[in-house]
């Protein structure tokens, strides 16, 4: 789109209209890996400094902020047991072929048929019937795992380690599909094992698959001061200290007041230098603080714009490092 939009090219500092992209797309990925999370945070710090220097926001406005969390969805398909088992089967067959392991069967045709059967039964809400194709899919994956394990002995150690890591993922997937309520972390995507399931209580999307992200913005001016990912889905209140620390470093200011929702209750002792204000303290707030507390809701449309306009609604970057970098890049 950059090569089609004159406005973007003018904003980028181009003197003449260019009919091709300014660089190869792979260079952008290499640039991200080179600068890392600290580099993208430095870019966000520069945008905050520019806003202060241009007097778009006052230095005093940086002392009062709003903090909230949201879900940054990962670029994965909706995880169903049947589909994950079929992906696992196909990946194991591909890995065996690449390593030179000859399997007795690949179950390619049967795997596709079983996936189609399971999805049909699930669509018709015939969940007891759906168990039969799922059992067969688990059996197929276990057969492939045993076939690979028996023929791994003659391979090089580096190839063994690579295959063993994938076999461990396959075993985790088989175990979690056997139990109705599996204990410990679950595998929701083969290519992105860091994906987590988060429930935010929304009626339309009760479950989202990605990572929790905390957003910090000024209560006046709506300038984003920080964005940080939090793997393993911690309690919102336990993320506040790190969010405020990041915002203070990037904005080069001291935060004195923070307005939050009720998910941040009970963390006043962990943040003694900051005055935390939420609806649970409404009787102890002054009239001016109550008015500012109503402004807390301004962060909700900010999060909406981050997802709709800044691509936070789908993270394509790899691993937990990619999640952290994507959150900050969306805040630029």
C-alpha atoms as a PDB file:
ATOM      1  CA  UNK A   1       0.000   0.000   0.000  1.00  0.00           C
ATOM      2  CA  UNK A   2       2.964   2.351   0.553  1.00  0.00           C
ATOM      3  CA  UNK A   3       3.758   2.325  -3.187  1.00  0.00           C
ATOM      4  CA  UNK A   4       0.137   3.325  -3.981  1.00  0.00           C
ATOM      5  CA  UNK A   5      -0.434   6.117  -1.431  1.00  0.00           C
ATOM      6  CA  UNK A   6       1.201   9.532  -2.089  1.00  0.00           C
ATOM      7  CA  UNK A   7       0.286  10.786   1.397  1.00  0.00           C
ATOM      8  CA  UNK A   8       2.269   8.020   3.082  1.00  0.00           C
ATOM      9  CA  UNK A   9       5.266   8.658   0.838  1.00  0.00           C
ATOM     10  CA  UNK A  10       5.206  12.404   1.569  1.00  0.00           C
ATOM     11  CA  UNK A  11       4.987  11.685   5.310  1.00  0.00           C
ATOM     12  CA  UNK A  12       7.974   9.307   4.937  1.00  0.00           C
ATOM     13  CA  UNK A  13      10.081  12.150   3.517  1.00  0.00           C
ATOM     14  CA  UNK A  14      10.132  11.132  -0.153  1.00  0.00           C
ATOM     15  CA  UNK A  15      10.720  13.919  -2.718  1.00  0.00           C
ATOM     16  CA  UNK A  16       9.233  12.018  -5.677  1.00  0.00           C
ATOM     17  CA  UNK A  17       6.484   9.433  -6.024  1.00  0.00           C
ATOM     18  CA  UNK A  18       7.936   5.900  -5.986  1.00  0.00           C
ATOM     19  CA  UNK A  19       6.203   2.985  -7.732  1.00  0.00           C
ATOM     20  CA  UNK A  20       7.936   0.304  -5.667  1.00  0.00           C
ATOM     21  CA  UNK A  21       8.396  -0.446  -1.973  1.00  0.00           C
ATOM     22  CA  UNK A  22      11.279   1.385  -0.242  1.00  0.00           C
ATOM     23  CA  UNK A  23      12.925  -1.883   0.866  1.00  0.00           C
ATOM     24  CA  UNK A  24      12.551  -5.642   0.738  1.00  0.00           C
ATOM     25  CA  UNK A  25       9.987  -6.924   3.306  1.00  0.00           C
ATOM     26  CA  UNK A  26      12.537  -9.357   4.770  1.00  0.00           C
ATOM     27  CA  UNK A  27      14.742  -6.405   5.809  1.00  0.00           C
ATOM     28  CA  UNK A  28      12.025  -5.186   8.188  1.00  0.00           C
ATOM     29  CA  UNK A  29      12.078  -8.517  10.015  1.00  0.00           C
ATOM     30  CA  UNK A  30      15.874  -8.405  10.255  1.00  0.00           C
ATOM     31  CA  UNK A  31      15.676  -4.823  11.567  1.00  0.00           C
ATOM     32  CA  UNK A  32      13.214  -5.884  14.290  1.00  0.00           C
ATOM     33  CA  UNK A  33      15.484  -8.744  15.385  1.00  0.00           C
ATOM     34  CA  UNK A  34      18.462  -6.402  15.424  1.00  0.00           C
ATOM     35  CA  UNK A  35      16.951  -3.728  17.686  1.00  0.00           C
ATOM     36  CA  UNK A  36      14.933  -6.111  19.904  1.00  0.00           C
ATOM     37  CA  UNK A  37      12.383  -5.096  22.543  1.00  0.00           C
ATOM     38  CA  UNK A  38      14.625  -2.361  23.981  1.00  0.00           C
ATOM     39  CA  UNK A  39      14.962  -0.811  20.526  1.00  0.00           C
ATOM     40  CA  UNK A  40      11.224  -0.550  19.895  1.00  0.00           C
ATOM     41  CA  UNK A  41      10.761   0.896  23.398  1.00  0.00           C
ATOM     42  CA  UNK A  42      13.325   3.555  22.471  1.00  0.00           C
ATOM     43  CA  UNK A  43      11.223   4.400  19.392  1.00  0.00           C
ATOM     44  CA  UNK A  44       8.162   4.838  21.625  1.00  0.00           C
ATOM     45  CA  UNK A  45      10.189   7.050  23.993  1.00  0.00           C
ATOM     46  CA  UNK A  46      11.152   9.282  21.042  1.00  0.00           C
ATOM     47  CA  UNK A  47       7.496   9.754  20.044  1.00  0.00           C
ATOM     48  CA  UNK A  48       6.647  10.795  23.629  1.00  0.00           C
ATOM     49  CA  UNK A  49       9.566  13.254  23.668  1.00  0.00           C
ATOM     50  CA  UNK A  50       8.434  14.754  20.346  1.00  0.00           C
ATOM     51  CA  UNK A  51       4.894  15.222  21.705  1.00  0.00           C
ATOM     52  CA  UNK A  52       6.268  17.076  24.753  1.00  0.00           C
ATOM     53  CA  UNK A  53       8.663  19.223  22.698  1.00  0.00           C
ATOM     54  CA  UNK A  54       5.896  20.239  20.276  1.00  0.00           C
ATOM     55  CA  UNK A  55       3.729  21.102  23.317  1.00  0.00           C
ATOM     56  CA  UNK A  56       1.022  18.676  22.205  1.00  0.00           C
ATOM     57  CA  UNK A  57       0.944  17.535  25.826  1.00  0.00           C
ATOM     58  CA  UNK A  58       2.277  19.174  28.980  1.00  0.00           C
ATOM     59  CA  UNK A  59       4.926  17.637  31.209  1.00  0.00           C
ATOM     60  CA  UNK A  60       2.512  17.779  34.151  1.00  0.00           C
ATOM     61  CA  UNK A  61      -0.064  15.685  32.240  1.00  0.00           C
ATOM     62  CA  UNK A  62       2.418  12.783  32.258  1.00  0.00           C
ATOM     63  CA  UNK A  63       2.041  12.483  36.049  1.00  0.00           C
ATOM     64  CA  UNK A  64      -1.563  11.194  35.891  1.00  0.00           C
ATOM     65  CA  UNK A  65      -2.207   8.056  33.859  1.00  0.00           C
ATOM     66  CA  UNK A  66      -4.767   5.347  33.144  1.00  0.00           C
ATOM     67  CA  UNK A  67      -3.748   1.678  33.100  1.00  0.00           C
ATOM     68  CA  UNK A  68      -5.711  -1.241  31.672  1.00  0.00           C
ATOM     69  CA  UNK A  69      -5.115  -4.691  30.203  1.00  0.00           C
ATOM     70  CA  UNK A  70      -6.390  -6.355  27.046  1.00  0.00           C
ATOM     71  CA  UNK A  71      -5.717  -9.463  24.973  1.00  0.00           C
ATOM     72  CA  UNK A  72      -3.382  -9.380  21.984  1.00  0.00           C
ATOM     73  CA  UNK A  73      -4.628 -12.296  19.837  1.00  0.00           C
ATOM     74  CA  UNK A  74      -2.066 -14.507  18.133  1.00  0.00           C
ATOM     75  CA  UNK A  75      -2.275 -15.336  14.423  1.00  0.00           C
ATOM     76  CA  UNK A  76      -3.568 -18.875  14.999  1.00  0.00           C
ATOM     77  CA  UNK A  77      -6.660 -20.765  13.908  1.00  0.00           C
ATOM     78  CA  UNK A  78      -9.311 -21.512  16.524  1.00  0.00           C
ATOM     79  CA  UNK A  79      -7.860 -24.523  18.387  1.00  0.00           C
ATOM     80  CA  UNK A  80      -9.958 -27.682  18.200  1.00  0.00           C
ATOM     81  CA  UNK A  81      -8.706 -31.103  19.288  1.00  0.00           C
ATOM     82  CA  UNK A  82      -9.387 -32.654  15.888  1.00  0.00           C
ATOM     83  CA  UNK A  83      -7.571 -29.979  13.909  1.00  0.00           C
ATOM     84  CA  UNK A  84      -4.581 -29.913  16.273  1.00  0.00           C
ATOM     85  CA  UNK A  85      -4.209 -33.695  16.056  1.00  0.00           C
ATOM     86  CA  UNK A  86      -4.327 -33.563  12.243  1.00  0.00           C
ATOM     87  CA  UNK A  87      -1.719 -30.765  12.177  1.00  0.00           C
ATOM     88  CA  UNK A  88       0.416 -32.823  14.568  1.00  0.00           C
ATOM     89  CA  UNK A  89       0.146 -35.893  12.291  1.00  0.00           C
ATOM     90  CA  UNK A  90       1.135 -33.908   9.199  1.00  0.00           C
ATOM     91  CA  UNK A  91       4.075 -32.242  10.993  1.00  0.00           C
ATOM     92  CA  UNK A  92       5.415 -35.549  12.335  1.00  0.00           C
ATOM     93  CA  UNK A  93       5.241 -37.109   8.856  1.00  0.00           C
ATOM     94  CA  UNK A  94       7.091 -34.117   7.380  1.00  0.00           C
ATOM     95  CA  UNK A  95       9.782 -34.211  10.087  1.00  0.00           C
ATOM     96  CA  UNK A  96      10.295 -37.954   9.612  1.00  0.00           C
ATOM     97  CA  UNK A  97      10.683 -37.510   5.864  1.00  0.00           C
ATOM     98  CA  UNK A  98      13.178 -34.649   6.321  1.00  0.00           C
ATOM     99  CA  UNK A  99      15.228 -36.756   8.786  1.00  0.00           C
ATOM    100  CA  UNK A 100      15.275 -39.773   6.447  1.00  0.00           C
ATOM    101  CA  UNK A 101      13.003 -41.952   8.604  1.00  0.00           C
ATOM    102  CA  UNK A 102      10.803 -44.302   6.555  1.00  0.00           C
ATOM    103  CA  UNK A 103       7.397 -44.776   8.191  1.00  0.00           C
ATOM    104  CA  UNK A 104       5.139 -47.757   7.480  1.00  0.00           C
ATOM    105  CA  UNK A 105       2.117 -45.474   6.969  1.00  0.00           C
ATOM    106  CA  UNK A 106       1.470 -41.744   6.894  1.00  0.00           C
ATOM    107  CA  UNK A 107      -2.344 -41.946   7.357  1.00  0.00           C
ATOM    108  CA  UNK A 108      -2.745 -38.889   5.082  1.00  0.00           C
ATOM    109  CA  UNK A 109      -6.095 -39.881   3.565  1.00  0.00           C
ATOM    110  CA  UNK A 110      -7.562 -41.254   6.803  1.00  0.00           C
ATOM    111  CA  UNK A 111      -6.435 -38.174   8.758  1.00  0.00           C
ATOM    112  CA  UNK A 112      -8.345 -35.790   6.493  1.00  0.00           C
ATOM    113  CA  UNK A 113     -11.447 -38.001   6.626  1.00  0.00           C
ATOM    114  CA  UNK A 114     -11.391 -38.155  10.432  1.00  0.00           C
ATOM    115  CA  UNK A 115     -10.994 -34.368  10.714  1.00  0.00           C
ATOM    116  CA  UNK A 116     -13.994 -33.856   8.448  1.00  0.00           C
ATOM    117  CA  UNK A 117     -16.071 -36.350  10.469  1.00  0.00           C
ATOM    118  CA  UNK A 118     -15.192 -34.727  13.803  1.00  0.00           C
ATOM    119  CA  UNK A 119     -15.995 -31.221  12.534  1.00  0.00           C
ATOM    120  CA  UNK A 120     -19.346 -32.441  11.178  1.00  0.00           C
ATOM    121  CA  UNK A 121     -20.302 -34.052  14.483  1.00  0.00           C
ATOM    122  CA  UNK A 122     -19.210 -30.941  16.410  1.00  0.00           C
ATOM    123  CA  UNK A 123     -21.286 -28.695  14.133  1.00  0.00           C
ATOM    124  CA  UNK A 124     -24.340 -30.896  14.770  1.00  0.00           C
ATOM    125  CA  UNK A 125     -23.556 -30.887  18.525  1.00  0.00           C
ATOM    126  CA  UNK A 126     -23.204 -34.690  18.479  1.00  0.00           C
ATOM    127  CA  UNK A 127     -20.279 -34.685  20.889  1.00  0.00           C
ATOM    128  CA  UNK A 128     -20.539 -38.349  21.935  1.00  0.00           C
ATOM    129  CA  UNK A 129     -20.211 -39.421  18.301  1.00  0.00           C
ATOM    130  CA  UNK A 130     -17.289 -37.019  17.908  1.00  0.00           C
ATOM    131  CA  UNK A 131     -15.240 -38.974  20.456  1.00  0.00           C
ATOM    132  CA  UNK A 132     -14.734 -41.917  18.074  1.00  0.00           C
ATOM    133  CA  UNK A 133     -12.810 -40.048  15.319  1.00  0.00           C
ATOM    134  CA  UNK A 134     -10.838 -38.208  18.031  1.00  0.00           C
ATOM    135  CA  UNK A 135      -9.783 -41.522  19.599  1.00  0.00           C
ATOM    136  CA  UNK A 136      -8.651 -42.776  16.194  1.00  0.00           C
ATOM    137  CA  UNK A 137      -6.692 -39.565  15.556  1.00  0.00           C
ATOM    138  CA  UNK A 138      -4.907 -39.948  18.899  1.00  0.00           C
ATOM    139  CA  UNK A 139      -4.079 -43.558  18.029  1.00  0.00           C
ATOM    140  CA  UNK A 140      -2.598 -42.476  14.681  1.00  0.00           C
ATOM    141  CA  UNK A 141      -0.399 -39.827  16.321  1.00  0.00           C
ATOM    142  CA  UNK A 142       0.814 -42.318  18.950  1.00  0.00           C
ATOM    143  CA  UNK A 143       1.653 -44.855  16.211  1.00  0.00           C
ATOM    144  CA  UNK A 144       3.704 -42.270  14.339  1.00  0.00           C
ATOM    145  CA  UNK A 145       5.493 -41.274  17.550  1.00  0.00           C
ATOM    146  CA  UNK A 146       6.436 -44.885  18.318  1.00  0.00           C
ATOM    147  CA  UNK A 147       7.585 -45.426  14.729  1.00  0.00           C
ATOM    148  CA  UNK A 148       9.860 -42.375  14.890  1.00  0.00           C
ATOM    149  CA  UNK A 149      11.252 -43.214  18.341  1.00  0.00           C
ATOM    150  CA  UNK A 150      12.294 -46.728  17.280  1.00  0.00           C
ATOM    151  CA  UNK A 151      14.217 -45.420  14.239  1.00  0.00           C
ATOM    152  CA  UNK A 152      15.911 -42.396  15.806  1.00  0.00           C
ATOM    153  CA  UNK A 153      18.915 -44.286  17.192  1.00  0.00           C
ATOM    154  CA  UNK A 154      21.165 -43.985  14.131  1.00  0.00           C
ATOM    155  CA  UNK A 155      20.583 -40.263  13.543  1.00  0.00           C
ATOM    156  CA  UNK A 156      22.898 -37.388  14.464  1.00  0.00           C
ATOM    157  CA  UNK A 157      22.483 -35.867  17.930  1.00  0.00           C
ATOM    158  CA  UNK A 158      21.312 -32.485  16.604  1.00  0.00           C
ATOM    159  CA  UNK A 159      18.549 -34.156  14.561  1.00  0.00           C
ATOM    160  CA  UNK A 160      17.596 -36.293  17.565  1.00  0.00           C
ATOM    161  CA  UNK A 161      17.201 -33.199  19.757  1.00  0.00           C
ATOM    162  CA  UNK A 162      15.031 -31.486  17.141  1.00  0.00           C
ATOM    163  CA  UNK A 163      12.802 -34.549  16.743  1.00  0.00           C
ATOM    164  CA  UNK A 164      12.574 -35.063  20.506  1.00  0.00           C
ATOM    165  CA  UNK A 165      11.355 -31.483  21.024  1.00  0.00           C
ATOM    166  CA  UNK A 166       8.557 -32.064  18.507  1.00  0.00           C
ATOM    167  CA  UNK A 167       7.709 -35.479  19.966  1.00  0.00           C
ATOM    168  CA  UNK A 168       7.370 -33.820  23.387  1.00  0.00           C
ATOM    169  CA  UNK A 169       4.855 -31.372  21.910  1.00  0.00           C
ATOM    170  CA  UNK A 170       2.977 -34.257  20.298  1.00  0.00           C
ATOM    171  CA  UNK A 171       2.863 -36.137  23.617  1.00  0.00           C
ATOM    172  CA  UNK A 172       1.529 -33.032  25.374  1.00  0.00           C
ATOM    173  CA  UNK A 173      -1.193 -32.705  22.737  1.00  0.00           C
ATOM    174  CA  UNK A 174      -2.220 -36.372  23.049  1.00  0.00           C
ATOM    175  CA  UNK A 175      -2.322 -36.121  26.855  1.00  0.00           C
ATOM    176  CA  UNK A 176      -4.449 -32.965  26.930  1.00  0.00           C
ATOM    177  CA  UNK A 177      -7.003 -34.371  24.457  1.00  0.00           C
ATOM    178  CA  UNK A 178      -7.410 -37.532  26.555  1.00  0.00           C
ATOM    179  CA  UNK A 179      -8.412 -35.617  29.682  1.00  0.00           C
ATOM    180  CA  UNK A 180     -11.473 -33.428  29.893  1.00  0.00           C
ATOM    181  CA  UNK A 181      -9.740 -30.976  32.214  1.00  0.00           C
ATOM    182  CA  UNK A 182      -6.010 -31.270  31.579  1.00  0.00           C
ATOM    183  CA  UNK A 183      -3.682 -29.937  34.273  1.00  0.00           C
ATOM    184  CA  UNK A 184      -0.887 -27.524  33.490  1.00  0.00           C
ATOM    185  CA  UNK A 185      -0.383 -25.393  30.363  1.00  0.00           C
ATOM    186  CA  UNK A 186      -2.172 -26.529  27.211  1.00  0.00           C
ATOM    187  CA  UNK A 187      -0.971 -26.480  23.615  1.00  0.00           C
ATOM    188  CA  UNK A 188      -3.277 -24.305  21.495  1.00  0.00           C
ATOM    189  CA  UNK A 189      -1.114 -24.016  18.385  1.00  0.00           C
ATOM    190  CA  UNK A 190       1.656 -26.168  16.945  1.00  0.00           C
ATOM    191  CA  UNK A 191       3.654 -23.295  15.427  1.00  0.00           C
ATOM    192  CA  UNK A 192       3.041 -20.906  18.364  1.00  0.00           C
ATOM    193  CA  UNK A 193       3.174 -22.956  21.595  1.00  0.00           C
ATOM    194  CA  UNK A 194       3.327 -19.747  23.677  1.00  0.00           C
ATOM    195  CA  UNK A 195      -0.342 -19.028  22.843  1.00  0.00           C
ATOM    196  CA  UNK A 196      -2.599 -18.854  25.912  1.00  0.00           C
ATOM    197  CA  UNK A 197      -6.357 -18.955  26.419  1.00  0.00           C
ATOM    198  CA  UNK A 198      -7.752 -15.848  28.142  1.00  0.00           C
ATOM    199  CA  UNK A 199     -11.349 -15.232  29.203  1.00  0.00           C
ATOM    200  CA  UNK A 200     -12.284 -11.548  29.513  1.00  0.00           C
ATOM    201  CA  UNK A 201     -16.006 -12.100  30.098  1.00  0.00           C
ATOM    202  CA  UNK A 202     -17.135 -10.853  26.683  1.00  0.00           C
ATOM    203  CA  UNK A 203     -20.422 -12.227  25.352  1.00  0.00           C
ATOM    204  CA  UNK A 204     -19.309 -12.316  21.706  1.00  0.00           C
ATOM    205  CA  UNK A 205     -15.813 -13.736  22.302  1.00  0.00           C
ATOM    206  CA  UNK A 206     -15.787 -15.574  25.651  1.00  0.00           C
ATOM    207  CA  UNK A 207     -12.303 -16.967  24.963  1.00  0.00           C
ATOM    208  CA  UNK A 208      -9.397 -15.303  23.165  1.00  0.00           C
ATOM    209  CA  UNK A 209      -6.094 -16.928  22.243  1.00  0.00           C
ATOM    210  CA  UNK A 210      -2.966 -14.828  22.555  1.00  0.00           C
ATOM    211  CA  UNK A 211      -1.230 -12.991  25.396  1.00  0.00           C
ATOM    212  CA  UNK A 212      -2.237 -10.406  28.008  1.00  0.00           C
ATOM    213  CA  UNK A 213      -1.019  -6.871  27.253  1.00  0.00           C
ATOM    214  CA  UNK A 214      -1.019  -3.843  29.566  1.00  0.00           C
ATOM    215  CA  UNK A 215      -1.569  -0.344  28.149  1.00  0.00           C
ATOM    216  CA  UNK A 216      -0.651   2.923  29.920  1.00  0.00           C
ATOM    217  CA  UNK A 217      -1.924   6.281  28.639  1.00  0.00           C
ATOM    218  CA  UNK A 218      -2.263   9.806  30.001  1.00  0.00           C
ATOM    219  CA  UNK A 219      -5.678  10.695  31.372  1.00  0.00           C
ATOM    220  CA  UNK A 220      -5.541  14.030  29.512  1.00  0.00           C
ATOM    221  CA  UNK A 221      -4.379  13.964  25.923  1.00  0.00           C
ATOM    222  CA  UNK A 222      -4.679  10.159  25.553  1.00  0.00           C
ATOM    223  CA  UNK A 223      -0.969   9.739  24.776  1.00  0.00           C
ATOM    224  CA  UNK A 224       0.258   6.144  25.067  1.00  0.00           C
ATOM    225  CA  UNK A 225       3.202   5.968  27.484  1.00  0.00           C
ATOM    226  CA  UNK A 226       3.753   2.218  27.568  1.00  0.00           C
ATOM    227  CA  UNK A 227       2.664  -1.192  26.306  1.00  0.00           C
ATOM    228  CA  UNK A 228       3.954  -4.453  27.734  1.00  0.00           C
ATOM    229  CA  UNK A 229       3.045  -8.124  27.252  1.00  0.00           C
ATOM    230  CA  UNK A 230       2.570 -10.411  30.274  1.00  0.00           C
ATOM    231  CA  UNK A 231       2.891 -14.146  29.540  1.00  0.00           C
ATOM    232  CA  UNK A 232       1.207 -16.802  31.732  1.00  0.00           C
ATOM    233  CA  UNK A 233      -1.882 -14.578  32.296  1.00  0.00           C
ATOM    234  CA  UNK A 234      -1.026 -12.939  35.673  1.00  0.00           C
ATOM    235  CA  UNK A 235      -3.558 -11.102  37.854  1.00  0.00           C
ATOM    236  CA  UNK A 236      -4.020  -7.528  36.611  1.00  0.00           C
ATOM    237  CA  UNK A 237      -2.867  -5.997  39.896  1.00  0.00           C
ATOM    238  CA  UNK A 238       0.442  -7.866  39.753  1.00  0.00           C
ATOM    239  CA  UNK A 239       1.243  -6.239  36.396  1.00  0.00           C
ATOM    240  CA  UNK A 240       0.823  -2.644  37.606  1.00  0.00           C
ATOM    241  CA  UNK A 241       4.342  -2.196  38.990  1.00  0.00           C
ATOM    242  CA  UNK A 242       6.018  -3.219  35.706  1.00  0.00           C
ATOM    243  CA  UNK A 243       3.638  -1.101  33.631  1.00  0.00           C
ATOM    244  CA  UNK A 244       4.304   2.028  35.682  1.00  0.00           C
ATOM    245  CA  UNK A 245       8.054   1.374  35.661  1.00  0.00           C
ATOM    246  CA  UNK A 246       8.078   1.145  31.854  1.00  0.00           C
ATOM    247  CA  UNK A 247       5.924   4.275  31.456  1.00  0.00           C
ATOM    248  CA  UNK A 248       8.155   6.333  33.789  1.00  0.00           C
ATOM    249  CA  UNK A 249      11.336   5.281  31.977  1.00  0.00           C
ATOM    250  CA  UNK A 250       9.954   5.970  28.491  1.00  0.00           C
ATOM    251  CA  UNK A 251       8.322   9.292  29.398  1.00  0.00           C
ATOM    252  CA  UNK A 252      11.213  10.423  31.659  1.00  0.00           C
ATOM    253  CA  UNK A 253       8.732  11.567  34.299  1.00  0.00           C
ATOM    254  CA  UNK A 254       7.394  10.530  37.708  1.00  0.00           C
ATOM    255  CA  UNK A 255       3.859   9.124  37.799  1.00  0.00           C
ATOM    256  CA  UNK A 256       1.950  10.249  40.894  1.00  0.00           C
ATOM    257  CA  UNK A 257      -1.681   9.238  40.198  1.00  0.00           C
ATOM    258  CA  UNK A 258      -2.996   6.185  38.363  1.00  0.00           C
ATOM    259  CA  UNK A 259      -6.664   5.474  37.590  1.00  0.00           C
ATOM    260  CA  UNK A 260      -7.586   1.809  37.140  1.00  0.00           C
ATOM    261  CA  UNK A 261     -10.558  -0.567  37.170  1.00  0.00           C
ATOM    262  CA  UNK A 262     -11.454  -2.969  39.983  1.00  0.00           C
ATOM    263  CA  UNK A 263      -9.063  -5.600  38.611  1.00  0.00           C
ATOM    264  CA  UNK A 264      -6.207  -3.672  40.261  1.00  0.00           C
ATOM    265  CA  UNK A 265      -7.527  -3.771  43.837  1.00  0.00           C
ATOM    266  CA  UNK A 266      -5.257  -4.702  46.720  1.00  0.00           C
ATOM    267  CA  UNK A 267      -1.889  -3.607  45.303  1.00  0.00           C
ATOM    268  CA  UNK A 268      -1.438  -0.279  47.139  1.00  0.00           C
ATOM    269  CA  UNK A 269       1.291  -1.746  49.360  1.00  0.00           C
ATOM    270  CA  UNK A 270       3.263  -2.926  46.307  1.00  0.00           C
ATOM    271  CA  UNK A 271       3.208   0.593  44.803  1.00  0.00           C
ATOM    272  CA  UNK A 272       3.770   2.999  47.737  1.00  0.00           C
ATOM    273  CA  UNK A 273       4.970   5.928  45.593  1.00  0.00           C
ATOM    274  CA  UNK A 274       1.775   6.054  43.498  1.00  0.00           C
ATOM    275  CA  UNK A 275      -1.780   6.992  44.461  1.00  0.00           C
ATOM    276  CA  UNK A 276      -4.041   4.272  43.001  1.00  0.00           C
ATOM    277  CA  UNK A 277      -7.640   5.325  42.425  1.00  0.00           C
ATOM    278  CA  UNK A 278     -10.546   3.086  41.414  1.00  0.00           C
ATOM    279  CA  UNK A 279     -14.291   2.766  41.906  1.00  0.00           C
ATOM    280  CA  UNK A 280     -13.860   0.842  45.166  1.00  0.00           C
ATOM    281  CA  UNK A 281     -12.455   4.010  46.803  1.00  0.00           C
ATOM    282  CA  UNK A 282     -15.142   6.394  45.528  1.00  0.00           C
ATOM    283  CA  UNK A 283     -16.181   7.547  49.031  1.00  0.00           C
ATOM    284  CA  UNK A 284     -12.609   8.621  49.811  1.00  0.00           C
ATOM    285  CA  UNK A 285     -12.079  10.532  46.558  1.00  0.00           C
ATOM    286  CA  UNK A 286     -12.504  14.264  46.125  1.00  0.00           C
ATOM    287  CA  UNK A 287     -14.964  15.728  43.623  1.00  0.00           C
ATOM    288  CA  UNK A 288     -12.163  16.436  41.147  1.00  0.00           C
ATOM    289  CA  UNK A 289     -10.821  12.884  41.479  1.00  0.00           C
ATOM    290  CA  UNK A 290     -14.311  11.465  40.854  1.00  0.00           C
ATOM    291  CA  UNK A 291     -14.514  13.466  37.627  1.00  0.00           C
ATOM    292  CA  UNK A 292     -11.109  12.158  36.566  1.00  0.00           C
ATOM    293  CA  UNK A 293     -12.194   8.612  37.448  1.00  0.00           C
ATOM    294  CA  UNK A 294     -14.955   8.928  34.860  1.00  0.00           C
ATOM    295  CA  UNK A 295     -12.222   9.777  32.339  1.00  0.00           C
ATOM    296  CA  UNK A 296     -10.711   6.328  32.984  1.00  0.00           C
ATOM    297  CA  UNK A 297     -13.062   4.905  30.355  1.00  0.00           C
ATOM    298  CA  UNK A 298     -11.173   6.891  27.699  1.00  0.00           C
ATOM    299  CA  UNK A 299      -8.623   4.063  27.531  1.00  0.00           C
ATOM    300  CA  UNK A 300     -11.243   1.670  26.108  1.00  0.00           C
ATOM    301  CA  UNK A 301     -11.518   3.417  22.704  1.00  0.00           C
ATOM    302  CA  UNK A 302      -7.706   3.767  22.716  1.00  0.00           C
ATOM    303  CA  UNK A 303      -7.452  -0.026  22.934  1.00  0.00           C
ATOM    304  CA  UNK A 304     -10.099  -0.262  20.207  1.00  0.00           C
ATOM    305  CA  UNK A 305      -8.024   1.960  17.904  1.00  0.00           C
ATOM    306  CA  UNK A 306      -4.884  -0.062  18.680  1.00  0.00           C
ATOM    307  CA  UNK A 307      -6.673  -3.208  17.527  1.00  0.00           C
ATOM    308  CA  UNK A 308      -8.563  -1.754  14.563  1.00  0.00           C
ATOM    309  CA  UNK A 309      -5.955   0.676  13.178  1.00  0.00           C
ATOM    310  CA  UNK A 310      -2.588  -0.436  14.628  1.00  0.00           C
ATOM    311  CA  UNK A 311      -2.929  -4.224  14.034  1.00  0.00           C
ATOM    312  CA  UNK A 312      -2.983  -5.299  17.664  1.00  0.00           C
ATOM    313  CA  UNK A 313      -5.942  -7.548  16.798  1.00  0.00           C
ATOM    314  CA  UNK A 314      -3.566 -10.161  15.292  1.00  0.00           C
ATOM    315  CA  UNK A 315       0.093 -10.724  16.173  1.00  0.00           C
ATOM    316  CA  UNK A 316       2.163 -12.435  13.475  1.00  0.00           C
ATOM    317  CA  UNK A 317       5.573 -12.095  15.182  1.00  0.00           C
ATOM    318  CA  UNK A 318       7.237 -15.223  16.535  1.00  0.00           C
ATOM    319  CA  UNK A 319       7.554 -16.260  20.173  1.00  0.00           C
ATOM    320  CA  UNK A 320       7.203 -14.335  23.421  1.00  0.00           C
ATOM    321  CA  UNK A 321       9.771 -11.801  22.193  1.00  0.00           C
ATOM    322  CA  UNK A 322       7.604 -11.171  19.133  1.00  0.00           C
ATOM    323  CA  UNK A 323       4.554 -10.648  21.372  1.00  0.00           C
ATOM    324  CA  UNK A 324       6.442  -8.084  23.480  1.00  0.00           C
ATOM    325  CA  UNK A 325       7.770  -6.191  20.441  1.00  0.00           C
ATOM    326  CA  UNK A 326       4.405  -6.205  18.670  1.00  0.00           C
ATOM    327  CA  UNK A 327       2.660  -4.674  21.699  1.00  0.00           C
ATOM    328  CA  UNK A 328       5.122  -1.758  21.802  1.00  0.00           C
ATOM    329  CA  UNK A 329       5.101  -1.259  18.013  1.00  0.00           C
ATOM    330  CA  UNK A 330       1.299  -1.005  18.073  1.00  0.00           C
ATOM    331  CA  UNK A 331       1.604   1.817  20.618  1.00  0.00           C
ATOM    332  CA  UNK A 332       3.796   3.949  18.345  1.00  0.00           C
END
